Amino acid sequence: MAKITLEAPVFSVEAALEAATYGVNRLELCSNFPEGGETPSAGMLKFLKSEVDIPVFVMIRPSGGNFAYTQKELMVMKRDIELLGELGADGFVFGVLTNEGRVNVAACETLIRTASGKPCTFHRAFDALSDQFEALEVIKSLGFQRILTSGGKNSVTEGLDVILELINKANGEISIMPGGGTKPEHVSVLSKTGHLTDIHASCKIWKKVQTTMSIQMFLFLMTQQLS
């Protein structure tokens, strides 16, 4: 029986603790909600690792805006991975693009190497790429374990068809994790591919939803991200 892992993005200690209490399987720890997530503080990670027993993946993003970074920003990202890894981060979430809208292979290689074997997720910088299907192969070859995406659109609902294509093309070799307005009904559709292993979601009411494949109770959690 296949299992779907539910990951919740959290921007505060309260939200993280609530997520763990309600049964979320993994946390994506971030700061700066208005910017869509930036690198959180070391203190927050260290505290949460003493309070929760589920994996905590850490966003590595030095600033908002686009996903093309300067050499100095890349040095900060590398140092953040080193320091947060020492404090117990279970994985890292990042994505680096070139100014032309392609995957910055050299930068991503360096950051993945710095992660020292801990799993890495290519975040929604993927949706800003000029060609998602070409990039899928590049990201897979780099060693990322999953890609967070809304199919190049503003939400999973709008990008659902593209996400289905990506999941089928990935064929289980890398996890395509839908995120961005994810709804319970999306699970029923996407799980039919047989390759849906991760869901990224946060919402204001939690509920249990049985998928059509009866693979796992899908929990939707209310988290007050800005409280």
N, C-alpha and C. Protein backbone atom coordinates (compact mmCIF):
# COMPACT_ATOMS: atom_id res chain seq x y z
N MET A 1 0.84 -1.19 0.00
CA MET A 1 0.00 0.00 0.00
C MET A 1 0.88 1.24 0.00
N ALA A 2 0.73 2.07 -1.00
CA ALA A 2 1.54 3.28 -1.11
C ALA A 2 1.13 4.30 -0.06
N LYS A 3 2.04 5.17 0.28
CA LYS A 3 1.78 6.18 1.28
C LYS A 3 2.06 7.55 0.71
N ILE A 4 1.18 8.50 1.04
CA ILE A 4 1.38 9.88 0.67
C ILE A 4 1.86 10.64 1.90
N THR A 5 2.96 11.36 1.75
CA THR A 5 3.48 12.19 2.83
C THR A 5 2.91 13.59 2.69
N LEU A 6 2.31 14.08 3.77
CA LEU A 6 1.77 15.44 3.78
C LEU A 6 2.78 16.38 4.42
N GLU A 7 3.23 17.36 3.66
CA GLU A 7 4.16 18.37 4.13
C GLU A 7 3.41 19.69 4.29
N ALA A 8 3.62 20.37 5.42
CA ALA A 8 2.98 21.66 5.64
C ALA A 8 4.04 22.75 5.76
N PRO A 9 3.87 23.84 5.02
CA PRO A 9 4.77 24.98 5.21
C PRO A 9 4.36 25.73 6.48
N VAL A 10 5.34 26.06 7.31
CA VAL A 10 5.03 26.76 8.56
C VAL A 10 5.97 27.96 8.71
N PHE A 11 5.41 29.05 9.25
CA PHE A 11 6.15 30.31 9.36
C PHE A 11 6.26 30.79 10.80
N SER A 12 5.77 30.00 11.75
CA SER A 12 5.85 30.37 13.15
C SER A 12 5.94 29.11 13.99
N VAL A 13 6.42 29.28 15.23
CA VAL A 13 6.51 28.15 16.15
C VAL A 13 5.12 27.57 16.40
N GLU A 14 4.13 28.46 16.59
CA GLU A 14 2.78 27.99 16.88
C GLU A 14 2.24 27.13 15.74
N ALA A 15 2.43 27.58 14.51
CA ALA A 15 1.94 26.83 13.36
C ALA A 15 2.63 25.48 13.26
N ALA A 16 3.93 25.45 13.52
CA ALA A 16 4.67 24.19 13.44
C ALA A 16 4.18 23.19 14.47
N LEU A 17 3.96 23.65 15.70
CA LEU A 17 3.51 22.75 16.75
C LEU A 17 2.10 22.24 16.47
N GLU A 18 1.23 23.10 15.95
CA GLU A 18 -0.12 22.68 15.59
C GLU A 18 -0.08 21.65 14.47
N ALA A 19 0.76 21.89 13.49
CA ALA A 19 0.87 20.96 12.37
C ALA A 19 1.27 19.58 12.85
N ALA A 20 2.27 19.53 13.72
CA ALA A 20 2.72 18.24 14.25
C ALA A 20 1.62 17.57 15.06
N THR A 21 0.88 18.36 15.82
CA THR A 21 -0.20 17.81 16.65
C THR A 21 -1.30 17.19 15.81
N TYR A 22 -1.64 17.85 14.69
CA TYR A 22 -2.74 17.37 13.86
C TYR A 22 -2.36 16.24 12.92
N GLY A 23 -1.10 15.88 12.85
CA GLY A 23 -0.73 14.70 12.09
C GLY A 23 0.00 14.93 10.79
N VAL A 24 0.47 16.16 10.54
CA VAL A 24 1.27 16.40 9.35
C VAL A 24 2.54 15.56 9.44
N ASN A 25 2.99 15.03 8.33
CA ASN A 25 4.14 14.12 8.31
C ASN A 25 5.48 14.81 8.26
N ARG A 26 5.52 16.02 7.69
CA ARG A 26 6.79 16.72 7.53
C ARG A 26 6.53 18.22 7.51
N LEU A 27 7.45 18.99 8.08
CA LEU A 27 7.34 20.44 8.08
C LEU A 27 8.31 21.06 7.10
N GLU A 28 7.87 22.10 6.42
CA GLU A 28 8.76 22.95 5.66
C GLU A 28 8.85 24.26 6.43
N LEU A 29 9.98 24.47 7.10
CA LEU A 29 10.13 25.62 7.98
C LEU A 29 10.66 26.82 7.20
N CYS A 30 9.93 27.93 7.29
CA CYS A 30 10.26 29.14 6.52
C CYS A 30 10.09 30.37 7.40
N SER A 31 10.55 31.49 6.90
CA SER A 31 10.24 32.80 7.46
C SER A 31 9.67 33.67 6.35
N ASN A 32 9.13 34.82 6.71
CA ASN A 32 8.69 35.84 5.76
C ASN A 32 7.60 35.34 4.80
N PHE A 33 6.43 35.13 5.35
CA PHE A 33 5.28 34.67 4.55
C PHE A 33 4.98 35.57 3.35
N PRO A 34 4.97 36.91 3.50
CA PRO A 34 4.63 37.76 2.35
C PRO A 34 5.54 37.56 1.13
N GLU A 35 6.78 37.14 1.37
CA GLU A 35 7.72 36.92 0.26
C GLU A 35 7.66 35.48 -0.26
N GLY A 36 6.78 34.67 0.30
CA GLY A 36 6.67 33.30 -0.16
C GLY A 36 7.66 32.36 0.49
N GLY A 37 8.35 32.83 1.52
CA GLY A 37 9.27 31.98 2.26
C GLY A 37 10.72 32.36 2.07
N GLU A 38 11.42 32.52 3.19
CA GLU A 38 12.86 32.74 3.20
C GLU A 38 13.47 31.86 4.28
N THR A 39 14.78 31.89 4.42
CA THR A 39 15.47 31.07 5.39
C THR A 39 15.05 31.45 6.81
N PRO A 40 14.63 30.47 7.63
CA PRO A 40 14.22 30.77 9.00
C PRO A 40 15.42 30.91 9.92
N SER A 41 15.16 31.31 11.16
CA SER A 41 16.25 31.49 12.11
C SER A 41 16.75 30.14 12.64
N ALA A 42 18.02 30.14 13.01
CA ALA A 42 18.61 28.94 13.59
C ALA A 42 17.93 28.61 14.92
N GLY A 43 17.58 29.65 15.68
CA GLY A 43 16.93 29.43 16.96
C GLY A 43 15.60 28.73 16.82
N MET A 44 14.81 29.11 15.81
CA MET A 44 13.52 28.46 15.61
C MET A 44 13.70 26.99 15.27
N LEU A 45 14.65 26.68 14.40
CA LEU A 45 14.88 25.28 14.04
C LEU A 45 15.33 24.49 15.27
N LYS A 46 16.27 25.01 16.01
CA LYS A 46 16.78 24.28 17.17
C LYS A 46 15.68 24.02 18.19
N PHE A 47 14.82 25.02 18.41
CA PHE A 47 13.71 24.84 19.35
C PHE A 47 12.74 23.76 18.85
N LEU A 48 12.36 23.84 17.57
CA LEU A 48 11.38 22.88 17.05
C LEU A 48 11.92 21.45 17.05
N LYS A 49 13.22 21.29 16.81
CA LYS A 49 13.79 19.95 16.82
C LYS A 49 13.73 19.33 18.22
N SER A 50 13.60 20.16 19.23
CA SER A 50 13.46 19.64 20.59
C SER A 50 12.01 19.40 20.96
N GLU A 51 11.09 19.86 20.11
CA GLU A 51 9.66 19.78 20.44
C GLU A 51 8.87 18.81 19.57
N VAL A 52 9.31 18.56 18.35
CA VAL A 52 8.55 17.69 17.44
C VAL A 52 9.40 16.50 17.02
N ASP A 53 8.72 15.43 16.67
CA ASP A 53 9.45 14.22 16.26
C ASP A 53 9.20 13.84 14.81
N ILE A 54 8.82 14.85 14.00
CA ILE A 54 8.66 14.63 12.56
C ILE A 54 9.76 15.39 11.83
N PRO A 55 10.08 14.99 10.60
CA PRO A 55 11.15 15.67 9.86
C PRO A 55 10.86 17.16 9.65
N VAL A 56 11.90 17.96 9.76
CA VAL A 56 11.80 19.40 9.50
C VAL A 56 12.75 19.74 8.35
N PHE A 57 12.17 20.09 7.21
CA PHE A 57 12.96 20.56 6.07
C PHE A 57 13.01 22.09 6.15
N VAL A 58 14.14 22.66 5.82
CA VAL A 58 14.35 24.09 5.99
C VAL A 58 14.47 24.79 4.64
N MET A 59 13.71 25.86 4.49
CA MET A 59 13.83 26.70 3.29
C MET A 59 15.18 27.41 3.29
N ILE A 60 15.88 27.35 2.17
CA ILE A 60 17.14 28.08 2.00
C ILE A 60 16.92 29.11 0.89
N ARG A 61 16.63 30.32 1.30
CA ARG A 61 16.34 31.40 0.35
C ARG A 61 16.71 32.72 1.03
N PRO A 62 17.77 33.37 0.61
CA PRO A 62 18.26 34.55 1.32
C PRO A 62 17.44 35.80 1.14
N SER A 63 16.62 35.84 0.08
CA SER A 63 15.82 37.03 -0.19
C SER A 63 14.64 36.67 -1.07
N GLY A 64 13.64 37.55 -1.06
CA GLY A 64 12.48 37.34 -1.92
C GLY A 64 12.79 37.75 -3.34
N GLY A 65 11.73 37.88 -4.14
CA GLY A 65 11.93 38.26 -5.53
C GLY A 65 12.21 37.05 -6.40
N ASN A 66 13.08 37.22 -7.39
CA ASN A 66 13.34 36.09 -8.30
C ASN A 66 14.29 35.09 -7.64
N PHE A 67 14.69 34.10 -8.38
CA PHE A 67 15.49 33.01 -7.81
C PHE A 67 16.90 32.96 -8.39
N ALA A 68 17.35 34.10 -8.94
CA ALA A 68 18.72 34.23 -9.42
C ALA A 68 19.49 35.01 -8.37
N TYR A 69 20.54 34.42 -7.83
CA TYR A 69 21.24 35.01 -6.71
C TYR A 69 22.66 35.43 -7.08
N THR A 70 23.18 36.39 -6.33
CA THR A 70 24.56 36.81 -6.51
C THR A 70 25.49 35.77 -5.88
N GLN A 71 26.79 35.88 -6.20
CA GLN A 71 27.75 34.95 -5.62
C GLN A 71 27.79 35.07 -4.10
N LYS A 72 27.64 36.27 -3.59
CA LYS A 72 27.64 36.44 -2.13
C LYS A 72 26.39 35.81 -1.51
N GLU A 73 25.25 35.95 -2.18
CA GLU A 73 24.04 35.31 -1.67
C GLU A 73 24.19 33.79 -1.68
N LEU A 74 24.82 33.26 -2.71
CA LEU A 74 25.04 31.81 -2.78
C LEU A 74 25.97 31.35 -1.66
N MET A 75 26.93 32.18 -1.30
CA MET A 75 27.80 31.85 -0.18
C MET A 75 27.01 31.80 1.13
N VAL A 76 26.05 32.72 1.28
CA VAL A 76 25.18 32.71 2.47
C VAL A 76 24.32 31.45 2.49
N MET A 77 23.77 31.07 1.34
CA MET A 77 22.96 29.86 1.26
C MET A 77 23.77 28.63 1.66
N LYS A 78 24.99 28.57 1.18
CA LYS A 78 25.86 27.45 1.51
C LYS A 78 26.13 27.41 3.01
N ARG A 79 26.43 28.55 3.60
CA ARG A 79 26.69 28.61 5.04
C ARG A 79 25.43 28.26 5.84
N ASP A 80 24.26 28.71 5.38
CA ASP A 80 23.01 28.38 6.07
C ASP A 80 22.78 26.86 6.08
N ILE A 81 23.05 26.21 4.95
CA ILE A 81 22.89 24.76 4.90
C ILE A 81 23.83 24.09 5.90
N GLU A 82 25.06 24.57 5.96
CA GLU A 82 26.02 23.99 6.91
C GLU A 82 25.55 24.15 8.35
N LEU A 83 25.17 25.37 8.71
CA LEU A 83 24.79 25.66 10.09
C LEU A 83 23.48 24.99 10.49
N LEU A 84 22.47 25.09 9.62
CA LEU A 84 21.18 24.50 9.94
C LEU A 84 21.25 22.98 9.91
N GLY A 85 22.12 22.44 9.07
CA GLY A 85 22.34 21.00 9.07
C GLY A 85 22.90 20.54 10.41
N GLU A 86 23.84 21.30 10.95
CA GLU A 86 24.42 20.98 12.25
C GLU A 86 23.40 21.04 13.37
N LEU A 87 22.37 21.87 13.19
CA LEU A 87 21.33 22.02 14.20
C LEU A 87 20.19 21.02 14.05
N GLY A 88 20.31 20.12 13.07
CA GLY A 88 19.35 19.04 12.97
C GLY A 88 18.36 19.10 11.83
N ALA A 89 18.52 20.04 10.90
CA ALA A 89 17.62 20.06 9.74
C ALA A 89 17.64 18.70 9.07
N ASP A 90 16.46 18.18 8.75
CA ASP A 90 16.37 16.85 8.13
C ASP A 90 16.48 16.90 6.62
N GLY A 91 16.32 18.08 6.06
CA GLY A 91 16.40 18.25 4.62
C GLY A 91 16.34 19.73 4.29
N PHE A 92 16.51 20.05 3.02
CA PHE A 92 16.58 21.45 2.61
C PHE A 92 15.71 21.68 1.38
N VAL A 93 15.20 22.91 1.29
CA VAL A 93 14.30 23.29 0.20
C VAL A 93 14.87 24.53 -0.46
N PHE A 94 15.25 24.44 -1.72
CA PHE A 94 15.82 25.58 -2.42
C PHE A 94 15.71 25.38 -3.93
N GLY A 95 15.99 26.43 -4.66
CA GLY A 95 16.05 26.36 -6.12
C GLY A 95 16.78 27.59 -6.62
N VAL A 96 17.72 27.39 -7.51
CA VAL A 96 18.50 28.52 -8.04
C VAL A 96 18.37 28.53 -9.56
N LEU A 97 18.03 29.70 -10.10
CA LEU A 97 17.86 29.85 -11.55
C LEU A 97 18.91 30.80 -12.10
N THR A 98 19.12 30.71 -13.39
CA THR A 98 19.95 31.70 -14.08
C THR A 98 19.07 32.89 -14.44
N ASN A 99 19.70 33.96 -14.87
CA ASN A 99 18.93 35.14 -15.28
C ASN A 99 18.08 34.87 -16.52
N GLU A 100 18.42 33.78 -17.23
CA GLU A 100 17.66 33.40 -18.44
C GLU A 100 16.50 32.47 -18.14
N GLY A 101 16.28 32.15 -16.87
CA GLY A 101 15.15 31.32 -16.49
C GLY A 101 15.39 29.83 -16.63
N ARG A 102 16.64 29.41 -16.50
CA ARG A 102 16.98 27.99 -16.51
C ARG A 102 17.56 27.59 -15.15
N VAL A 103 17.67 26.29 -14.91
CA VAL A 103 18.26 25.82 -13.66
C VAL A 103 19.73 26.20 -13.63
N ASN A 104 20.16 26.81 -12.53
CA ASN A 104 21.58 27.12 -12.35
C ASN A 104 22.25 25.85 -11.83
N VAL A 105 22.75 25.07 -12.76
CA VAL A 105 23.27 23.74 -12.44
C VAL A 105 24.44 23.82 -11.46
N ALA A 106 25.39 24.71 -11.73
CA ALA A 106 26.59 24.80 -10.89
C ALA A 106 26.23 25.16 -9.46
N ALA A 107 25.33 26.14 -9.29
CA ALA A 107 24.93 26.56 -7.94
C ALA A 107 24.19 25.45 -7.21
N CYS A 108 23.29 24.78 -7.91
CA CYS A 108 22.53 23.70 -7.29
C CYS A 108 23.44 22.53 -6.90
N GLU A 109 24.40 22.23 -7.75
CA GLU A 109 25.36 21.16 -7.44
C GLU A 109 26.12 21.46 -6.16
N THR A 110 26.55 22.70 -6.02
CA THR A 110 27.29 23.10 -4.82
C THR A 110 26.43 22.97 -3.57
N LEU A 111 25.18 23.42 -3.64
CA LEU A 111 24.31 23.38 -2.47
C LEU A 111 23.93 21.95 -2.10
N ILE A 112 23.70 21.12 -3.10
CA ILE A 112 23.38 19.72 -2.82
C ILE A 112 24.59 19.03 -2.19
N ARG A 113 25.75 19.31 -2.69
CA ARG A 113 26.97 18.74 -2.10
C ARG A 113 27.13 19.20 -0.66
N THR A 114 26.80 20.45 -0.39
CA THR A 114 26.90 20.98 0.97
C THR A 114 25.91 20.31 1.90
N ALA A 115 24.78 19.87 1.36
CA ALA A 115 23.76 19.20 2.18
C ALA A 115 24.22 17.85 2.70
N SER A 116 25.32 17.34 2.20
CA SER A 116 25.96 16.11 2.71
C SER A 116 25.02 14.92 2.79
N GLY A 117 24.25 14.73 1.73
CA GLY A 117 23.40 13.56 1.66
C GLY A 117 21.99 13.75 2.20
N LYS A 118 21.73 14.87 2.85
CA LYS A 118 20.36 15.12 3.32
C LYS A 118 19.48 15.45 2.13
N PRO A 119 18.23 15.00 2.13
CA PRO A 119 17.36 15.18 0.96
C PRO A 119 17.08 16.65 0.67
N CYS A 120 17.02 16.97 -0.61
CA CYS A 120 16.77 18.34 -1.05
C CYS A 120 15.56 18.39 -1.98
N THR A 121 14.74 19.40 -1.78
CA THR A 121 13.57 19.66 -2.61
C THR A 121 13.82 20.90 -3.45
N PHE A 122 13.54 20.81 -4.75
CA PHE A 122 13.59 21.99 -5.62
C PHE A 122 12.24 22.68 -5.49
N HIS A 123 12.24 23.90 -4.93
CA HIS A 123 10.96 24.53 -4.60
C HIS A 123 10.30 25.19 -5.81
N ARG A 124 9.35 26.08 -5.54
CA ARG A 124 8.52 26.61 -6.63
C ARG A 124 9.24 27.60 -7.54
N ALA A 125 10.54 27.73 -7.38
CA ALA A 125 11.32 28.36 -8.44
C ALA A 125 11.08 27.59 -9.74
N PHE A 126 10.73 26.32 -9.58
CA PHE A 126 10.43 25.46 -10.74
C PHE A 126 9.34 26.08 -11.61
N ASP A 127 8.37 26.74 -10.97
CA ASP A 127 7.26 27.31 -11.73
C ASP A 127 7.65 28.56 -12.50
N ALA A 128 8.82 29.11 -12.21
CA ALA A 128 9.31 30.28 -12.93
C ALA A 128 10.24 29.91 -14.09
N LEU A 129 10.47 28.61 -14.28
CA LEU A 129 11.36 28.15 -15.34
C LEU A 129 10.72 28.34 -16.71
N SER A 130 11.55 28.52 -17.70
CA SER A 130 11.04 28.71 -19.06
C SER A 130 10.51 27.41 -19.66
N ASP A 131 11.04 26.27 -19.22
CA ASP A 131 10.60 24.97 -19.74
C ASP A 131 10.64 23.95 -18.61
N GLN A 132 9.48 23.68 -18.00
CA GLN A 132 9.42 22.76 -16.86
C GLN A 132 9.82 21.33 -17.22
N PHE A 133 9.47 20.90 -18.40
CA PHE A 133 9.72 19.50 -18.76
C PHE A 133 11.19 19.25 -19.05
N GLU A 134 11.85 20.21 -19.66
CA GLU A 134 13.29 20.09 -19.84
C GLU A 134 14.00 20.15 -18.49
N ALA A 135 13.54 21.05 -17.62
CA ALA A 135 14.16 21.23 -16.31
C ALA A 135 13.97 20.00 -15.43
N LEU A 136 12.88 19.29 -15.60
CA LEU A 136 12.64 18.08 -14.81
C LEU A 136 13.81 17.12 -14.91
N GLU A 137 14.30 16.90 -16.10
CA GLU A 137 15.42 15.97 -16.30
C GLU A 137 16.70 16.50 -15.66
N VAL A 138 16.91 17.81 -15.76
CA VAL A 138 18.11 18.41 -15.17
C VAL A 138 18.07 18.28 -13.65
N ILE A 139 16.94 18.62 -13.06
CA ILE A 139 16.79 18.57 -11.60
C ILE A 139 16.93 17.14 -11.09
N LYS A 140 16.37 16.22 -11.81
CA LYS A 140 16.49 14.80 -11.43
C LYS A 140 17.95 14.36 -11.45
N SER A 141 18.68 14.77 -12.49
CA SER A 141 20.08 14.36 -12.62
C SER A 141 20.97 14.99 -11.54
N LEU A 142 20.55 16.13 -11.00
CA LEU A 142 21.32 16.80 -9.97
C LEU A 142 21.24 16.08 -8.62
N GLY A 143 20.19 15.29 -8.44
CA GLY A 143 20.06 14.55 -7.19
C GLY A 143 18.99 15.06 -6.24
N PHE A 144 18.17 16.01 -6.68
CA PHE A 144 17.03 16.42 -5.87
C PHE A 144 16.08 15.23 -5.72
N GLN A 145 15.43 15.13 -4.58
CA GLN A 145 14.50 14.02 -4.37
C GLN A 145 13.07 14.37 -4.73
N ARG A 146 12.75 15.67 -4.75
CA ARG A 146 11.38 16.05 -5.11
C ARG A 146 11.35 17.46 -5.66
N ILE A 147 10.25 17.75 -6.37
CA ILE A 147 10.03 19.07 -6.93
C ILE A 147 8.68 19.57 -6.44
N LEU A 148 8.68 20.75 -5.85
CA LEU A 148 7.43 21.40 -5.42
C LEU A 148 6.93 22.27 -6.56
N THR A 149 5.69 22.05 -6.97
CA THR A 149 5.19 22.79 -8.14
C THR A 149 3.68 22.93 -8.15
N SER A 150 3.23 24.02 -8.74
CA SER A 150 1.81 24.19 -9.04
C SER A 150 1.60 24.13 -10.55
N GLY A 151 2.52 23.47 -11.22
CA GLY A 151 2.38 23.28 -12.66
C GLY A 151 2.64 24.53 -13.47
N GLY A 152 3.44 25.44 -12.92
CA GLY A 152 3.74 26.68 -13.64
C GLY A 152 2.64 27.71 -13.58
N LYS A 153 1.61 27.45 -12.80
CA LYS A 153 0.48 28.37 -12.65
C LYS A 153 0.41 28.90 -11.23
N ASN A 154 -0.61 29.71 -10.96
CA ASN A 154 -0.75 30.29 -9.62
C ASN A 154 -1.25 29.31 -8.58
N SER A 155 -1.88 28.24 -9.01
CA SER A 155 -2.42 27.27 -8.07
C SER A 155 -2.42 25.88 -8.69
N VAL A 156 -2.56 24.88 -7.83
CA VAL A 156 -2.63 23.50 -8.31
C VAL A 156 -3.85 23.30 -9.20
N THR A 157 -4.95 23.96 -8.86
CA THR A 157 -6.16 23.83 -9.68
C THR A 157 -5.88 24.26 -11.12
N GLU A 158 -5.21 25.40 -11.29
CA GLU A 158 -4.92 25.90 -12.63
C GLU A 158 -3.87 25.05 -13.34
N GLY A 159 -2.92 24.50 -12.59
CA GLY A 159 -1.83 23.75 -13.20
C GLY A 159 -1.99 22.25 -13.15
N LEU A 160 -3.19 21.77 -12.83
CA LEU A 160 -3.39 20.34 -12.59
C LEU A 160 -2.99 19.47 -13.77
N ASP A 161 -3.35 19.86 -14.97
CA ASP A 161 -3.01 19.05 -16.14
C ASP A 161 -1.50 18.94 -16.34
N VAL A 162 -0.79 20.05 -16.11
CA VAL A 162 0.67 20.03 -16.25
C VAL A 162 1.29 19.15 -15.16
N ILE A 163 0.76 19.25 -13.94
CA ILE A 163 1.27 18.41 -12.84
C ILE A 163 1.10 16.94 -13.17
N LEU A 164 -0.04 16.59 -13.73
CA LEU A 164 -0.27 15.20 -14.15
C LEU A 164 0.77 14.76 -15.17
N GLU A 165 1.04 15.62 -16.14
CA GLU A 165 2.06 15.29 -17.15
C GLU A 165 3.43 15.12 -16.51
N LEU A 166 3.76 16.01 -15.57
CA LEU A 166 5.06 15.93 -14.91
C LEU A 166 5.20 14.65 -14.10
N ILE A 167 4.14 14.28 -13.38
CA ILE A 167 4.18 13.05 -12.58
C ILE A 167 4.38 11.85 -13.49
N ASN A 168 3.66 11.83 -14.59
CA ASN A 168 3.79 10.70 -15.51
C ASN A 168 5.18 10.65 -16.15
N LYS A 169 5.73 11.82 -16.49
CA LYS A 169 7.06 11.85 -17.09
C LYS A 169 8.13 11.45 -16.08
N ALA A 170 7.96 11.88 -14.83
CA ALA A 170 8.94 11.53 -13.79
C ALA A 170 8.93 10.04 -13.51
N ASN A 171 7.77 9.41 -13.64
CA ASN A 171 7.63 7.95 -13.54
C ASN A 171 8.21 7.39 -12.24
N GLY A 172 8.06 8.15 -11.16
CA GLY A 172 8.52 7.68 -9.86
C GLY A 172 10.00 7.84 -9.61
N GLU A 173 10.75 8.38 -10.58
CA GLU A 173 12.20 8.55 -10.41
C GLU A 173 12.53 9.78 -9.57
N ILE A 174 11.61 10.72 -9.50
CA ILE A 174 11.70 11.87 -8.61
C ILE A 174 10.27 12.22 -8.25
N SER A 175 10.04 12.63 -7.01
CA SER A 175 8.68 12.94 -6.57
C SER A 175 8.25 14.32 -7.07
N ILE A 176 7.11 14.38 -7.72
CA ILE A 176 6.49 15.65 -8.10
C ILE A 176 5.47 15.97 -7.02
N MET A 177 5.74 17.00 -6.23
CA MET A 177 4.92 17.33 -5.07
C MET A 177 4.04 18.55 -5.37
N PRO A 178 2.74 18.35 -5.56
CA PRO A 178 1.87 19.49 -5.82
C PRO A 178 1.75 20.39 -4.60
N GLY A 179 1.78 21.69 -4.84
CA GLY A 179 1.64 22.65 -3.76
C GLY A 179 1.24 24.00 -4.29
N GLY A 180 0.38 24.67 -3.53
CA GLY A 180 -0.14 25.97 -3.94
C GLY A 180 -1.64 25.88 -4.11
N GLY A 181 -2.37 26.02 -3.02
CA GLY A 181 -3.83 25.88 -3.09
C GLY A 181 -4.28 24.45 -3.29
N THR A 182 -3.52 23.50 -2.74
CA THR A 182 -3.87 22.09 -2.90
C THR A 182 -5.19 21.78 -2.19
N LYS A 183 -6.06 21.03 -2.87
CA LYS A 183 -7.37 20.66 -2.32
C LYS A 183 -7.48 19.14 -2.25
N PRO A 184 -8.36 18.63 -1.38
CA PRO A 184 -8.53 17.18 -1.25
C PRO A 184 -8.84 16.49 -2.57
N GLU A 185 -9.64 17.13 -3.42
CA GLU A 185 -10.01 16.48 -4.68
C GLU A 185 -8.81 16.29 -5.61
N HIS A 186 -7.77 17.11 -5.44
CA HIS A 186 -6.58 16.94 -6.25
C HIS A 186 -5.91 15.60 -5.97
N VAL A 187 -5.99 15.16 -4.71
CA VAL A 187 -5.35 13.90 -4.34
C VAL A 187 -5.98 12.74 -5.09
N SER A 188 -7.30 12.75 -5.18
CA SER A 188 -8.00 11.67 -5.88
C SER A 188 -7.58 11.59 -7.34
N VAL A 189 -7.40 12.74 -7.97
CA VAL A 189 -7.01 12.76 -9.38
C VAL A 189 -5.56 12.35 -9.56
N LEU A 190 -4.68 12.96 -8.78
CA LEU A 190 -3.24 12.74 -8.96
C LEU A 190 -2.79 11.36 -8.49
N SER A 191 -3.47 10.79 -7.51
CA SER A 191 -3.06 9.48 -7.00
C SER A 191 -3.31 8.37 -8.01
N LYS A 192 -4.17 8.63 -8.99
CA LYS A 192 -4.45 7.62 -10.01
C LYS A 192 -3.24 7.34 -10.90
N THR A 193 -2.26 8.23 -10.87
CA THR A 193 -1.05 8.00 -11.65
C THR A 193 -0.22 6.86 -11.05
N GLY A 194 -0.42 6.60 -9.76
CA GLY A 194 0.38 5.59 -9.08
C GLY A 194 1.73 6.09 -8.61
N HIS A 195 2.02 7.39 -8.85
CA HIS A 195 3.34 7.93 -8.49
C HIS A 195 3.26 9.14 -7.57
N LEU A 196 2.09 9.40 -7.00
CA LEU A 196 1.96 10.52 -6.08
C LEU A 196 2.44 10.08 -4.70
N THR A 197 3.52 10.68 -4.21
CA THR A 197 4.07 10.29 -2.91
C THR A 197 4.13 11.44 -1.92
N ASP A 198 4.00 12.69 -2.40
CA ASP A 198 4.09 13.85 -1.52
C ASP A 198 3.02 14.87 -1.87
N ILE A 199 2.47 15.51 -0.84
CA ILE A 199 1.53 16.62 -1.00
C ILE A 199 2.01 17.76 -0.10
N HIS A 200 1.96 18.97 -0.63
CA HIS A 200 2.37 20.15 0.12
C HIS A 200 1.13 21.02 0.31
N ALA A 201 0.71 21.23 1.55
CA ALA A 201 -0.54 21.95 1.75
C ALA A 201 -0.63 22.58 3.13
N SER A 202 -1.26 23.74 3.18
CA SER A 202 -1.70 24.34 4.44
C SER A 202 -3.03 25.01 4.14
N CYS A 203 -3.95 24.94 5.09
CA CYS A 203 -5.24 25.59 4.90
C CYS A 203 -5.84 25.90 6.26
N LYS A 204 -7.02 26.47 6.26
CA LYS A 204 -7.57 26.99 7.50
C LYS A 204 -8.45 26.03 8.26
N ILE A 205 -8.79 24.93 7.69
CA ILE A 205 -9.56 23.91 8.40
C ILE A 205 -8.94 22.58 8.08
N TRP A 206 -8.73 21.74 9.09
CA TRP A 206 -8.17 20.43 8.79
C TRP A 206 -9.30 19.42 8.70
N LYS A 207 -9.15 18.48 7.80
CA LYS A 207 -10.13 17.42 7.63
C LYS A 207 -9.46 16.20 7.05
N LYS A 208 -10.06 15.06 7.28
CA LYS A 208 -9.53 13.82 6.75
C LYS A 208 -10.30 13.46 5.49
N VAL A 209 -9.57 13.13 4.46
CA VAL A 209 -10.18 12.79 3.18
C VAL A 209 -9.59 11.48 2.68
N GLN A 210 -10.43 10.48 2.44
CA GLN A 210 -9.96 9.20 1.93
C GLN A 210 -9.83 9.29 0.41
N THR A 211 -8.68 8.97 -0.14
CA THR A 211 -8.50 9.02 -1.59
C THR A 211 -9.21 7.83 -2.23
N THR A 212 -9.45 7.92 -3.53
CA THR A 212 -10.14 6.86 -4.23
C THR A 212 -9.34 5.56 -4.24
N MET A 213 -8.02 5.67 -4.04
CA MET A 213 -7.19 4.48 -4.04
C MET A 213 -7.01 3.90 -2.64
N SER A 214 -7.65 4.56 -1.64
CA SER A 214 -7.55 4.12 -0.25
C SER A 214 -6.11 3.96 0.20
N ILE A 215 -5.26 4.92 -0.17
CA ILE A 215 -3.85 4.78 0.16
C ILE A 215 -3.46 5.47 1.46
N GLN A 216 -4.15 6.50 1.86
CA GLN A 216 -3.82 7.15 3.12
C GLN A 216 -4.86 8.20 3.43
N MET A 217 -5.15 8.39 4.72
CA MET A 217 -6.01 9.49 5.10
C MET A 217 -5.25 10.79 4.86
N PHE A 218 -5.86 11.64 4.02
CA PHE A 218 -5.18 12.88 3.67
C PHE A 218 -5.64 13.97 4.64
N LEU A 219 -4.70 14.47 5.43
CA LEU A 219 -5.00 15.47 6.44
C LEU A 219 -4.78 16.87 5.89
N PHE A 220 -5.80 17.69 6.03
CA PHE A 220 -5.64 19.11 5.74
C PHE A 220 -5.68 19.85 7.07
N LEU A 221 -4.69 20.65 7.30
CA LEU A 221 -4.51 21.28 8.59
C LEU A 221 -4.68 22.78 8.54
N MET A 222 -5.37 23.26 9.55
CA MET A 222 -5.44 24.71 9.68
C MET A 222 -4.25 25.22 10.45
N THR A 223 -3.49 26.10 9.84
CA THR A 223 -2.38 26.72 10.53
C THR A 223 -2.51 28.23 10.41
N GLN A 224 -2.47 28.92 11.51
CA GLN A 224 -2.51 30.38 11.48
C GLN A 224 -1.09 30.88 11.22
N GLN A 225 -0.73 30.97 9.95
CA GLN A 225 0.64 31.22 9.57
C GLN A 225 1.16 32.57 10.09
N LEU A 226 0.30 33.53 10.19
CA LEU A 226 0.79 34.86 10.55
C LEU A 226 0.46 35.23 11.99
N SER A 227 -0.02 34.25 12.78
CA SER A 227 -0.38 34.57 14.15
C SER A 227 0.86 34.76 15.01
